[in-house]
Amino acid sequence: TTEIKMSSDVLSGDIVKITAYTLLGRLIPSSFDKIIMKYPNAKGYIIDLRGDIGGQALNGVYLAERILGKNKKIISIKYRNGTIIPIISEMSPIIKPDTPIVILVDKKTASASEILAGSLQKSGRAILVGEKTYGKNAMQQMIPLPNKTCLNITTSYFTFGDDYSREAN
């Protein structure tokens, strides 16, 4: 069976509600693009990230890129060795820049979903509505082990500005 990871509905006034159940999976970018292209005359978007505990950081970055457009800062990543790398969008926007966006968040919104929500809020592109998010800001790498389990190692931290105060020592 195929797990539904993203769905959409048209609300009154041609407002499109996109619900992301998870940002985990390689098909998230194409699913998002297909939803946006399906509604070319949308007057606004509601992106529901409530309960979405995240997924791959790259998916959060991709969705932010497709909304923000070229040359916009999405996040900065600080690696264990102290190197800081800003992630700047390189893609053209798929949503018109003047189309309103509201993002619904709650205490379970984490990881890649926080990257999407936080970058759009920080850039002034979207309004966040709901509860304070989980506040993860850590990025992990999964290392497969011989017993068919994985070890999750924190390799870096992300921020929307220059504050890395939640990183581990």
Protein backbone atom coordinates (compact mmCIF):
# COMPACT_ATOMS: atom_id res chain seq x y z
CA THR A 1 0.00 0.00 0.00
CA THR A 2 1.05 3.56 -0.65
CA GLU A 3 1.02 5.86 2.35
CA ILE A 4 -0.58 9.25 1.72
CA LYS A 5 1.96 11.88 2.72
CA MET A 6 0.28 15.02 1.39
CA SER A 7 -3.27 15.93 0.38
CA SER A 8 -5.16 19.00 -0.80
CA ASP A 9 -8.65 20.49 -0.70
CA VAL A 10 -10.14 23.63 -2.18
CA LEU A 11 -11.91 25.76 0.41
CA SER A 12 -14.34 28.58 -0.29
CA GLY A 13 -12.85 31.58 -2.07
CA ASP A 14 -10.40 29.41 -4.04
CA ILE A 15 -8.16 28.91 -1.01
CA VAL A 16 -6.15 25.69 -1.30
CA LYS A 17 -5.46 23.76 1.89
CA ILE A 18 -2.43 21.48 1.70
CA THR A 19 -2.02 18.97 4.52
CA ALA A 20 1.41 17.43 4.99
CA TYR A 21 1.28 14.24 7.05
CA THR A 22 5.04 13.79 6.79
CA LEU A 23 7.92 15.33 4.85
CA LEU A 24 9.64 11.95 4.80
CA GLY A 25 10.13 10.40 1.38
CA ARG A 26 11.65 11.08 -1.99
CA LEU A 27 8.31 11.90 -3.62
CA ILE A 28 7.46 14.87 -1.37
CA PRO A 29 8.88 17.51 -3.78
CA SER A 30 6.98 16.19 -6.80
CA SER A 31 3.79 15.74 -4.74
CA PHE A 32 3.98 19.38 -3.63
CA ASP A 33 4.63 20.64 -7.15
CA LYS A 34 1.70 18.59 -8.53
CA ILE A 35 -0.66 20.03 -5.92
CA ILE A 36 0.38 23.61 -6.69
CA MET A 37 0.11 23.09 -10.47
CA LYS A 38 -3.34 21.49 -10.05
CA TYR A 39 -4.73 24.81 -8.74
CA PRO A 40 -3.24 27.58 -10.93
CA ASN A 41 -5.87 30.14 -9.87
CA ALA A 42 -5.60 29.71 -6.10
CA LYS A 43 -6.21 32.94 -4.21
CA GLY A 44 -4.22 31.73 -1.19
CA TYR A 45 -2.81 28.69 0.54
CA ILE A 46 -3.16 27.12 3.97
CA ILE A 47 -0.36 24.65 4.63
CA ASP A 48 -1.22 22.38 7.55
CA LEU A 49 1.90 21.05 9.27
CA ARG A 50 0.17 20.15 12.54
CA GLY A 51 1.27 16.77 13.79
CA ASP A 52 3.97 16.50 11.13
CA ILE A 53 7.05 15.38 13.02
CA GLY A 54 9.15 16.13 9.95
CA GLY A 55 11.24 14.06 7.62
CA GLN A 56 14.29 14.78 5.54
CA ALA A 57 15.62 18.31 5.97
CA LEU A 58 16.15 18.46 2.22
CA ASN A 59 12.39 18.18 1.66
CA GLY A 60 11.73 21.14 3.96
CA VAL A 61 14.40 23.13 2.12
CA TYR A 62 12.97 22.17 -1.29
CA LEU A 63 9.42 23.25 -0.40
CA ALA A 64 10.74 26.53 1.03
CA GLU A 65 12.74 27.11 -2.18
CA ARG A 66 9.67 26.52 -4.34
CA ILE A 67 7.75 29.11 -2.35
CA LEU A 68 10.45 31.73 -1.70
CA GLY A 69 12.12 31.77 -5.10
CA LYS A 70 15.72 32.53 -5.98
CA ASN A 71 18.33 34.12 -3.71
CA LYS A 72 16.42 33.87 -0.42
CA LYS A 73 18.01 32.54 2.76
CA ILE A 74 16.25 29.42 3.98
CA ILE A 75 18.40 28.31 6.93
CA SER A 76 21.98 28.29 8.12
CA ILE A 77 23.57 25.01 9.13
CA LYS A 78 26.31 24.77 11.75
CA TYR A 79 28.37 21.58 11.67
CA ARG A 80 30.18 19.98 14.59
CA ASN A 81 33.52 21.42 13.40
CA GLY A 82 32.09 24.95 13.66
CA THR A 83 31.60 25.52 9.94
CA ILE A 84 28.46 27.54 9.19
CA ILE A 85 26.87 27.29 5.75
CA PRO A 86 23.90 29.44 4.71
CA ILE A 87 21.40 27.63 2.49
CA ILE A 88 20.21 30.04 -0.20
CA SER A 89 17.37 29.17 -2.57
CA GLU A 90 18.26 28.60 -6.21
CA MET A 91 14.87 27.71 -7.70
CA SER A 92 12.14 29.81 -9.24
CA PRO A 93 8.97 30.14 -7.17
CA ILE A 94 6.03 27.92 -8.03
CA ILE A 95 3.58 30.17 -6.12
CA LYS A 96 3.10 33.80 -7.15
CA PRO A 97 4.95 36.05 -4.66
CA ASP A 98 1.82 38.04 -3.75
CA THR A 99 -0.33 34.98 -3.00
CA PRO A 100 -1.06 34.83 0.76
CA ILE A 101 0.12 31.80 2.73
CA VAL A 102 -0.89 30.70 6.23
CA ILE A 103 0.90 27.80 7.90
CA LEU A 104 -0.78 25.84 10.69
CA VAL A 105 1.65 24.49 13.32
CA ASP A 106 1.50 22.79 16.70
CA LYS A 107 3.84 21.31 19.32
CA LYS A 108 4.34 18.20 17.15
CA THR A 109 5.51 20.20 14.11
CA ALA A 110 9.22 19.35 13.97
CA SER A 111 12.34 18.92 11.88
CA ALA A 112 11.80 19.43 8.13
CA SER A 113 8.37 20.92 8.81
CA GLU A 114 9.97 23.49 11.09
CA ILE A 115 12.47 24.34 8.35
CA LEU A 116 9.58 25.05 5.97
CA ALA A 117 7.48 26.98 8.47
CA GLY A 118 10.35 28.92 10.05
CA SER A 119 11.98 29.98 6.81
CA LEU A 120 8.68 31.23 5.37
CA GLN A 121 7.89 33.12 8.58
CA LYS A 122 11.39 34.62 8.85
CA SER A 123 11.26 35.82 5.23
CA GLY A 124 7.83 37.39 5.75
CA ARG A 125 6.34 35.09 3.12
CA ALA A 126 3.87 33.30 5.43
CA ILE A 127 2.02 33.78 8.67
CA LEU A 128 2.22 30.99 11.25
CA VAL A 129 -0.91 30.15 13.23
CA GLY A 130 -1.16 27.71 16.13
CA GLU A 131 1.12 26.56 18.91
CA LYS A 132 4.86 26.82 19.44
CA THR A 133 6.58 24.12 17.38
CA TYR A 134 8.75 21.32 18.77
CA GLY A 135 11.95 23.34 18.38
CA LYS A 136 14.19 20.52 17.23
CA ASN A 137 16.78 22.43 15.14
CA ALA A 138 19.06 19.37 15.04
CA MET A 139 19.92 17.48 11.87
CA GLN A 140 20.78 13.80 12.02
CA GLN A 141 22.38 11.20 9.82
CA MET A 142 21.08 7.63 10.01
CA ILE A 143 23.75 4.93 10.00
CA PRO A 144 22.47 1.42 9.26
CA LEU A 145 23.62 -1.28 11.68
CA PRO A 146 24.07 -5.01 10.96
CA ASN A 147 21.05 -5.97 13.10
CA LYS A 148 18.69 -4.08 10.75
CA THR A 149 18.41 -1.07 13.08
CA CYS A 150 19.90 2.39 12.66
CA LEU A 151 21.97 4.72 14.74
CA ASN A 152 20.84 8.33 14.53
CA ILE A 153 23.74 10.77 15.00
CA THR A 154 23.31 14.53 15.27
CA THR A 155 25.68 16.04 12.71
CA SER A 156 24.61 19.68 12.64
CA TYR A 157 22.11 22.29 13.79
CA PHE A 158 20.00 24.71 11.80
CA THR A 159 18.79 28.20 12.52
CA PHE A 160 16.95 30.93 10.67
CA GLY A 161 19.37 33.60 11.84
CA ASP A 162 22.60 33.27 13.80
CA ASP A 163 21.33 31.79 17.09
CA TYR A 164 22.60 28.27 17.75
CA SER A 165 21.87 28.43 21.50
CA ARG A 166 20.10 25.03 21.54
CA GLU A 167 23.02 23.07 20.15
CA ALA A 168 24.68 20.41 22.27
CA ASN A 169 28.24 20.83 23.49
